[in-house]
Protein backbone atom coordinates (compact mmCIF):
# COMPACT_ATOMS: atom_id res chain seq x y z
CA MET A 1 0.00 0.00 0.00
CA LYS A 2 1.23 3.61 -0.62
CA LYS A 3 2.23 5.70 2.49
CA THR A 4 2.62 9.33 3.41
CA PHE A 5 4.91 10.44 6.20
CA ASN A 6 5.82 13.78 7.71
CA PHE A 7 9.31 14.56 6.37
CA ILE A 8 10.60 16.09 9.61
CA ALA A 9 9.32 13.09 11.59
CA ILE A 10 11.19 10.73 9.29
CA ILE A 11 14.44 12.68 9.66
CA PHE A 12 14.07 12.68 13.46
CA VAL A 13 13.27 8.99 13.75
CA ILE A 14 15.85 7.80 11.23
CA SER A 15 18.53 9.99 12.82
CA SER A 16 17.70 8.65 16.26
CA ILE A 17 17.87 5.05 15.09
CA PHE A 18 21.18 5.45 13.35
CA LEU A 19 22.76 7.45 16.17
CA ALA A 20 21.67 4.82 18.66
CA CYS A 21 22.65 1.74 16.64
CA GLY A 22 25.52 2.97 14.53
CA GLN A 23 25.36 3.26 10.75
CA ASN A 24 25.30 -0.10 9.03
CA GLU A 25 26.26 -0.05 5.36
CA HIS A 26 23.01 -1.82 4.48
CA ASP A 27 20.86 0.56 6.49
CA VAL A 28 21.84 3.94 5.14
CA LYS A 29 23.96 5.52 2.46
CA GLU A 30 26.04 8.60 2.97
CA ALA A 31 25.61 11.87 1.08
CA ASN A 32 23.44 10.30 -1.61
CA SER A 33 20.88 8.82 0.78
CA PRO A 34 17.32 10.00 -0.03
CA PHE A 35 16.96 10.77 3.69
CA ASN A 36 19.66 13.44 3.22
CA ASN A 37 18.39 14.52 -0.18
CA PRO A 38 16.37 17.77 -0.13
CA TYR A 39 14.18 16.43 -2.92
CA TYR A 40 13.29 13.31 -0.96
CA SER A 41 9.68 12.68 0.05
CA ARG A 42 8.59 9.18 0.90
CA THR A 43 5.29 9.25 -0.86
CA ASP A 44 5.06 12.51 -2.74
CA THR A 45 4.64 11.10 -6.24
CA ASN A 46 4.43 14.46 -8.03
CA HIS A 47 6.77 14.41 -11.00
CA LEU A 48 10.06 16.20 -10.40
CA PHE A 49 11.50 18.59 -12.97
CA VAL A 50 15.03 19.16 -11.72
CA SER A 51 17.98 20.16 -13.89
CA ASN A 52 21.16 18.12 -13.98
CA VAL A 53 22.93 21.15 -12.56
CA GLU A 54 20.80 20.87 -9.42
CA TRP A 55 21.06 17.08 -9.29
CA LYS A 56 24.84 17.35 -9.40
CA LYS A 57 24.75 19.41 -6.22
CA VAL A 58 22.94 16.75 -4.18
CA LEU A 59 24.06 13.41 -5.65
CA SER A 60 27.39 11.68 -5.20
CA ALA A 61 29.59 11.50 -8.29
CA ASP A 62 28.94 7.76 -8.76
CA LEU A 63 25.18 8.06 -8.35
CA TYR A 64 25.06 11.08 -10.67
CA ALA A 65 26.94 9.12 -13.34
CA VAL A 66 24.39 6.29 -13.21
CA SER A 67 21.11 8.11 -12.57
CA ARG A 68 21.66 11.17 -14.75
CA LEU A 69 24.31 10.11 -17.28
CA LYS A 70 23.04 6.51 -17.66
CA ASP A 71 26.31 4.87 -16.65
CA THR A 72 26.30 1.21 -15.51
CA GLU A 73 28.10 -0.18 -12.49
CA ARG A 74 30.30 -3.23 -12.95
CA PRO A 75 28.51 -6.57 -12.41
CA PHE A 76 28.96 -8.43 -9.11
CA THR A 77 30.12 -5.23 -7.36
CA GLY A 78 26.91 -3.59 -6.17
CA LYS A 79 26.00 -4.00 -2.52
CA TYR A 80 22.45 -5.19 -3.26
CA TRP A 81 23.44 -7.93 -5.69
CA GLU A 82 23.35 -10.75 -3.09
CA PHE A 83 21.43 -8.77 -0.49
CA ASN A 84 18.36 -10.49 1.06
CA GLN A 85 17.03 -8.36 3.94
CA LYS A 86 13.31 -7.69 4.27
CA GLY A 87 12.27 -4.14 3.49
CA THR A 88 11.64 -1.63 0.71
CA TYR A 89 13.82 -0.36 -2.13
CA TYR A 90 13.64 3.30 -3.12
CA CYS A 91 15.07 5.46 -5.87
CA ALA A 92 18.39 6.66 -4.44
CA ALA A 93 17.94 10.04 -6.13
CA CYS A 94 14.42 11.07 -5.09
CA GLY A 95 13.11 8.45 -2.63
CA ASN A 96 10.31 7.07 -4.81
CA GLU A 97 9.18 3.58 -3.71
CA LEU A 98 10.26 1.10 -6.39
CA PHE A 99 10.30 -2.50 -5.10
CA GLN A 100 9.38 -4.63 -2.12
CA SER A 101 12.00 -7.15 -1.01
CA ASP A 102 9.64 -10.08 -1.70
CA SER A 103 9.90 -9.34 -5.44
CA LYS A 104 13.71 -9.70 -5.45
CA PHE A 105 15.27 -12.88 -6.82
CA SER A 106 18.73 -14.31 -7.57
CA SER A 107 19.34 -14.04 -11.31
CA GLU A 108 23.11 -14.60 -11.33
CA CYS A 109 23.49 -11.73 -13.81
CA GLY A 110 25.63 -9.66 -11.45
CA TRP A 111 23.05 -6.97 -10.71
CA PRO A 112 20.12 -6.94 -8.24
CA SER A 113 17.04 -8.32 -10.00
CA PHE A 114 13.31 -8.01 -9.31
CA PHE A 115 10.27 -9.56 -10.99
CA GLU A 116 7.71 -6.88 -10.10
CA GLN A 117 7.72 -3.13 -9.49
CA LYS A 118 5.80 -1.39 -6.69
CA ASN A 119 3.04 -0.21 -9.03
CA LYS A 120 2.57 0.73 -12.66
CA LYS A 121 3.68 4.30 -12.07
CA SER A 122 6.74 3.69 -9.92
CA ILE A 123 8.92 2.84 -12.93
CA VAL A 124 8.53 3.95 -16.56
CA PHE A 125 10.28 2.71 -19.67
CA LYS A 126 11.66 3.90 -22.98
CA ALA A 127 13.50 2.26 -25.87
CA ASP A 128 17.29 2.17 -25.55
CA ASN A 129 19.24 1.56 -28.77
CA SER A 130 22.68 2.23 -27.32
CA HIS A 131 25.67 -0.09 -27.78
CA GLY A 132 24.12 -1.75 -30.80
CA MET A 133 21.34 -3.35 -28.74
CA LEU A 134 17.57 -2.86 -28.49
CA ARG A 135 16.64 -2.75 -24.81
CA SER A 136 13.97 -1.31 -22.56
CA GLU A 137 15.44 1.31 -20.23
CA ALA A 138 13.91 1.52 -16.73
CA LEU A 139 13.51 5.01 -15.29
CA CYS A 140 12.18 6.25 -11.95
CA GLY A 141 8.57 7.26 -12.50
CA ARG A 142 9.02 10.31 -10.30
CA CYS A 143 12.38 11.84 -11.28
CA ASP A 144 13.32 10.04 -14.54
CA SER A 145 16.59 8.79 -13.07
CA HIS A 146 18.17 5.86 -14.91
CA LEU A 147 17.77 2.66 -12.87
CA GLY A 148 18.71 -0.15 -15.27
CA HIS A 149 16.86 -2.21 -17.88
CA LEU A 150 13.85 -4.51 -18.15
CA PHE A 151 14.12 -7.97 -19.72
CA ASP A 152 11.62 -10.74 -20.46
CA ASP A 153 13.56 -13.60 -18.86
CA GLY A 154 12.38 -13.36 -15.27
CA PRO A 155 10.45 -15.82 -13.10
CA GLU A 156 6.70 -16.22 -12.75
CA PRO A 157 4.25 -14.69 -12.14
CA THR A 158 5.42 -11.72 -14.30
CA GLY A 159 8.17 -13.29 -16.39
CA LYS A 160 10.06 -9.99 -16.07
CA ARG A 161 13.57 -9.23 -14.85
CA TYR A 162 14.18 -5.70 -13.64
CA CYS A 163 17.98 -5.55 -13.85
CA MET A 164 18.94 -2.64 -11.59
CA ASN A 165 22.11 -0.81 -10.64
CA SER A 166 22.65 -1.16 -6.90
CA ILE A 167 23.81 2.42 -6.59
CA ALA A 168 20.52 3.63 -8.11
CA LEU A 169 18.65 2.01 -5.21
CA ASP A 170 18.35 2.81 -1.54
CA PHE A 171 17.07 0.24 0.93
CA VAL A 172 15.22 0.72 4.22
CA PRO A 173 14.83 -2.39 6.42
CA LEU A 174 11.36 -3.49 7.47
CA SER A 175 12.33 -3.05 11.13
CA VAL A 176 13.15 0.62 10.52
CA LEU A 177 9.91 1.23 8.64
CA GLN A 178 7.93 -0.36 11.47
CA THR A 179 9.77 1.81 14.00
CA ILE A 180 8.85 4.92 12.00
CA ASP A 181 5.20 3.86 11.91
CA ASN A 182 5.11 3.12 15.64
CA SER A 183 6.73 6.46 16.50
CA MET A 184 4.05 8.50 14.80
CA HIS A 185 1.12 7.51 17.06
CA LEU A 186 -0.98 6.43 14.11
CA ASP A 187 -4.60 5.42 14.36
CA THR A 188 -6.66 2.87 12.42
CA ILE A 189 -10.28 2.52 11.36
CA VAL A 190 -11.97 -0.19 9.26
CA LEU A 191 -14.84 0.84 6.98
CA GLY A 192 -17.19 -0.96 4.60
CA GLY A 193 -18.99 1.10 1.97
CA GLY A 194 -19.59 -1.22 -0.96
CA CYS A 195 -16.85 -2.44 -3.26
CA TYR A 196 -13.53 -1.98 -1.47
CA TRP A 197 -11.80 -0.91 -4.70
CA CYS A 198 -13.96 2.23 -4.71
CA VAL A 199 -13.42 3.12 -1.06
CA GLU A 200 -9.69 2.40 -1.23
CA ALA A 201 -9.19 4.71 -4.23
CA VAL A 202 -10.82 7.64 -2.44
CA TYR A 203 -8.89 7.40 0.83
CA GLU A 204 -5.57 7.04 -0.94
CA GLU A 205 -6.09 10.68 -1.99
CA LEU A 206 -6.90 12.10 1.46
CA LYS A 207 -4.24 14.11 3.27
CA GLY A 208 -3.11 12.45 6.48
CA VAL A 209 -3.94 8.91 5.40
CA ILE A 210 -0.83 6.76 5.66
CA SER A 211 -2.06 3.58 4.01
CA VAL A 212 -5.25 1.93 2.78
CA GLU A 213 -5.60 -1.85 2.54
CA SER A 214 -8.52 -3.79 1.10
CA GLY A 215 -9.81 -6.81 2.98
CA PHE A 216 -12.70 -8.45 4.82
CA SER A 217 -14.26 -8.18 8.30
CA GLY A 218 -17.35 -9.20 10.19
CA GLY A 219 -17.79 -12.77 8.96
CA TRP A 220 -18.00 -16.27 10.38
CA ILE A 221 -14.94 -18.01 8.96
CA ALA A 222 -11.21 -17.31 9.17
CA ASN A 223 -9.11 -16.22 6.18
CA PRO A 224 -11.94 -16.10 3.64
CA THR A 225 -11.14 -16.01 -0.06
CA TYR A 226 -12.54 -13.35 -2.37
CA LYS A 227 -14.70 -16.03 -4.02
CA GLN A 228 -16.12 -17.12 -0.67
CA VAL A 229 -16.98 -13.55 0.32
CA CYS A 230 -18.60 -12.89 -3.07
CA SER A 231 -20.84 -15.89 -2.53
CA GLY A 232 -22.52 -13.96 0.29
CA THR A 233 -22.41 -16.97 2.63
CA THR A 234 -19.62 -15.88 5.01
CA ASN A 235 -21.21 -12.63 6.27
CA HIS A 236 -17.94 -10.78 5.64
CA ALA A 237 -18.08 -7.23 4.37
CA GLU A 238 -15.65 -5.86 1.83
CA VAL A 239 -13.77 -3.26 3.86
CA VAL A 240 -10.71 -1.05 3.87
CA ARG A 241 -8.31 -0.68 6.76
CA ILE A 242 -7.25 2.96 6.94
CA ILE A 243 -4.13 3.95 8.87
CA TYR A 244 -3.90 7.68 9.42
CA ASN A 245 -1.89 10.33 11.23
CA PRO A 246 -4.19 12.08 13.75
CA SER A 247 -2.08 15.23 13.53
CA LEU A 248 -2.93 15.56 9.81
CA THR A 249 -6.51 14.31 9.73
CA ASN A 250 -9.01 12.89 12.21
CA LEU A 251 -11.74 10.28 12.45
CA ASN A 252 -14.49 12.85 12.03
CA GLU A 253 -13.10 13.94 8.67
CA ILE A 254 -12.52 10.36 7.58
CA LEU A 255 -16.14 9.51 8.39
CA LYS A 256 -17.42 12.61 6.59
CA VAL A 257 -15.62 11.39 3.49
CA PHE A 258 -17.14 7.95 4.08
CA PHE A 259 -20.69 9.30 4.19
CA THR A 260 -20.05 11.47 1.13
CA VAL A 261 -18.74 8.88 -1.32
CA HIS A 262 -21.21 6.05 -0.69
CA ASP A 263 -24.93 5.71 0.00
CA PRO A 264 -25.40 4.85 3.69
CA THR A 265 -29.18 4.51 3.32
CA THR A 266 -29.38 1.36 1.17
CA LEU A 267 -29.37 -2.07 2.80
CA ASN A 268 -26.68 -4.44 1.53
CA ARG A 269 -26.33 -2.52 -1.70
CA GLN A 270 -24.23 0.08 -3.48
CA GLY A 271 -25.44 0.69 -7.00
CA ALA A 272 -25.27 -2.56 -8.97
CA ASP A 273 -23.28 -4.28 -6.20
CA VAL A 274 -25.80 -6.25 -4.15
CA GLY A 275 -25.21 -8.53 -1.16
CA THR A 276 -24.27 -8.47 2.52
CA GLN A 277 -20.63 -8.09 1.51
CA TYR A 278 -21.48 -4.60 0.26
CA ARG A 279 -23.22 -3.41 3.42
CA SER A 280 -22.49 -0.01 4.95
CA VAL A 281 -20.60 -0.64 8.18
CA ILE A 282 -18.08 0.95 10.53
CA PHE A 283 -15.91 -1.48 12.48
CA TYR A 284 -14.78 0.49 15.52
CA ALA A 285 -11.68 -0.44 17.54
CA ASN A 286 -12.70 1.31 20.77
CA GLU A 287 -15.56 3.17 22.44
CA ASN A 288 -14.21 6.55 21.38
CA GLN A 289 -14.45 5.59 17.70
CA LYS A 290 -17.93 4.20 18.28
CA ASN A 291 -19.08 7.42 19.96
CA ILE A 292 -17.67 9.66 17.23
CA ALA A 293 -19.34 7.58 14.53
CA ASN A 294 -22.67 7.44 16.37
CA GLU A 295 -22.71 11.20 17.00
CA LEU A 296 -22.03 11.93 13.33
CA ILE A 297 -24.80 9.59 12.20
CA LEU A 298 -27.26 11.27 14.58
CA GLU A 299 -26.17 14.68 13.32
CA LEU A 300 -26.61 13.72 9.66
CA ASN A 301 -30.00 12.16 10.28
CA LYS A 302 -31.17 15.20 12.26
CA ALA A 303 -30.08 17.51 9.44
CA LYS A 304 -31.90 15.25 6.94
CA VAL A 305 -28.84 15.18 4.70
CA TYR A 306 -30.33 12.11 3.02
CA SER A 307 -33.94 11.57 2.05
CA ASN A 308 -33.88 8.26 3.91
CA PRO A 309 -32.37 7.40 7.33
CA ILE A 310 -28.79 6.19 7.56
CA ILE A 311 -28.66 2.44 8.17
CA THR A 312 -24.88 2.14 8.57
CA LYS A 313 -24.06 -0.50 11.20
CA LEU A 314 -21.55 0.05 13.99
CA GLU A 315 -19.77 -3.22 14.78
CA LYS A 316 -16.88 -3.99 17.11
CA LEU A 317 -13.80 -4.88 15.07
CA LYS A 318 -12.69 -8.44 15.72
CA THR A 319 -10.45 -9.45 12.83
CA PHE A 320 -9.37 -7.85 9.58
CA TYR A 321 -8.35 -10.25 6.81
CA LEU A 322 -6.16 -8.78 4.08
CA ALA A 323 -7.35 -9.40 0.52
CA ASP A 324 -4.99 -10.87 -2.08
CA LYS A 325 -2.29 -8.69 -3.62
CA GLU A 326 -4.12 -8.17 -6.91
CA HIS A 327 -6.95 -6.48 -4.98
CA GLN A 328 -4.64 -3.86 -3.45
CA ASP A 329 -4.21 -0.45 -5.16
CA TYR A 330 -6.73 -1.69 -7.69
CA TYR A 331 -7.68 1.65 -9.20
CA LEU A 332 -4.06 2.79 -9.33
CA ASN A 333 -3.08 -0.31 -11.25
CA ASN A 334 -6.20 -0.68 -13.43
CA SER A 335 -7.49 2.84 -14.04
CA GLU A 336 -8.18 2.19 -17.73
CA GLU A 337 -10.58 -0.69 -17.07
CA SER A 338 -14.29 -0.01 -17.63
CA TYR A 339 -15.27 -0.66 -13.99
CA CYS A 340 -12.73 1.90 -12.83
CA LYS A 341 -13.95 4.49 -15.33
CA MET A 342 -17.66 3.90 -14.83
CA VAL A 343 -17.88 3.21 -11.08
CA ILE A 344 -14.73 4.34 -9.25
CA GLN A 345 -13.92 7.49 -11.21
CA PRO A 346 -17.26 9.23 -10.43
CA LYS A 347 -16.72 8.61 -6.70
CA LEU A 348 -13.22 10.07 -6.94
CA GLU A 349 -14.52 13.10 -8.79
CA LYS A 350 -17.17 13.68 -6.12
CA PHE A 351 -14.56 13.39 -3.38
CA GLU A 352 -12.19 15.77 -5.18
CA LYS A 353 -14.97 18.31 -5.62
CA VAL A 354 -16.20 18.24 -2.01
CA PHE A 355 -12.81 17.85 -0.33
CA LYS A 356 -10.64 19.71 -2.85
CA GLU A 357 -8.61 21.36 -0.08
CA ARG A 358 -7.83 17.98 1.47
CA ILE A 359 -6.40 16.15 -1.54
CA LYS A 360 -2.78 15.01 -1.29
C-alpha cells in the first residue's frame, strides 16, 4: 500500500535510530541517501523537474553518473546484488518507492534483480538503442533517473527481470519502517462502503492517510477467499483498513468522506453491487471511535442530509483479513478498465470536488 509520512518526523526517527545503533552499510547511504536529499519525500509522487545542474549538487559522483548520465556499475560489485534483507527499495535520487524485497530474486546476472515493481507508475520505460542493442530502459517514474533495464527472462508470475544498478537504489529495512510507523502515534479505522476498490481509491487521496488496505471483516470463517466472500455466505463485508496520522486528519473527517462517497441509506447494496458483503458498516476499535461515529450519524440524520435514514451498522472490530495482492491499489493499477472508469472514477470526482482542499 502507498504511504505518506511527515518529512521532519522521518528525519528525526531515522537519525535517532542510526545514532543509537551505529550506521550499518546496508541501512543507510552517505551523502546520496534519499533521507539526506532535499528532494526526498517518501510518498510525494508528483513528478520532479530538476535540472542536472541541481542534481549534481545533491548526488554523489557515482550516483550522478548512473542516474543522470546513464552509466552502468560493474557486475557483481553492487552492494544489493546478493542482499536479502526484508524491506523496501527506493530510488536513491528522489526516494520514490520502487520494489518490495519479496519481489527480489537471484538471477546470477551480477546486478540486483526483481520480478515486479511497486506499481505501474513507480517505474517507466523507454526504448534504448545504445551499444548496438535494443533494450527497454527503466527510469524512476518520479524523477526520470536511470535505474537499469527490463528484460523478459524473469520468473513467474510476471516473467520480467528488472535488472537494476545497486547504486541507483536505496534500501530501508522493514524493522526501521515499522519503528517509523510506531513512532508517529498512528490510528486505524476499518470501513465498509460497498466495493472496497472504490473506497480504497478515495482514501488514498486524502491528506493524512498513511495507508489503505482492502480486505474483509465481520464474517463467520477465518481467512476467507474473495470467491467465498462474493458468494454472500460468510457474512464478511468488503472493507478497507485505513491507517492515518491524527495530527494531519481525524476520524471525524474520515467519516465525513465515508458518508459522502457512498450511499449509507441502502441495505446491503451500493449501485449494482448487491449482497451483505457490500453493506455499509463501521468497524470500531474502541468506544471513542464508536461514539464519534454514532454522533455523526445522529447529526446527519437530524439535518436530513439524506432523504432516507442512515442504516450504517456500527460493529466492534474483531479481525481484519487482508485481501490478495491483486486487490490492493486496484484503481491505481487498473485505471483504464471499464469498472474503474464507470464506477470508481465518479466517486473520486465527487470526493475531489467536495474535499478539494484535502487532496494530497
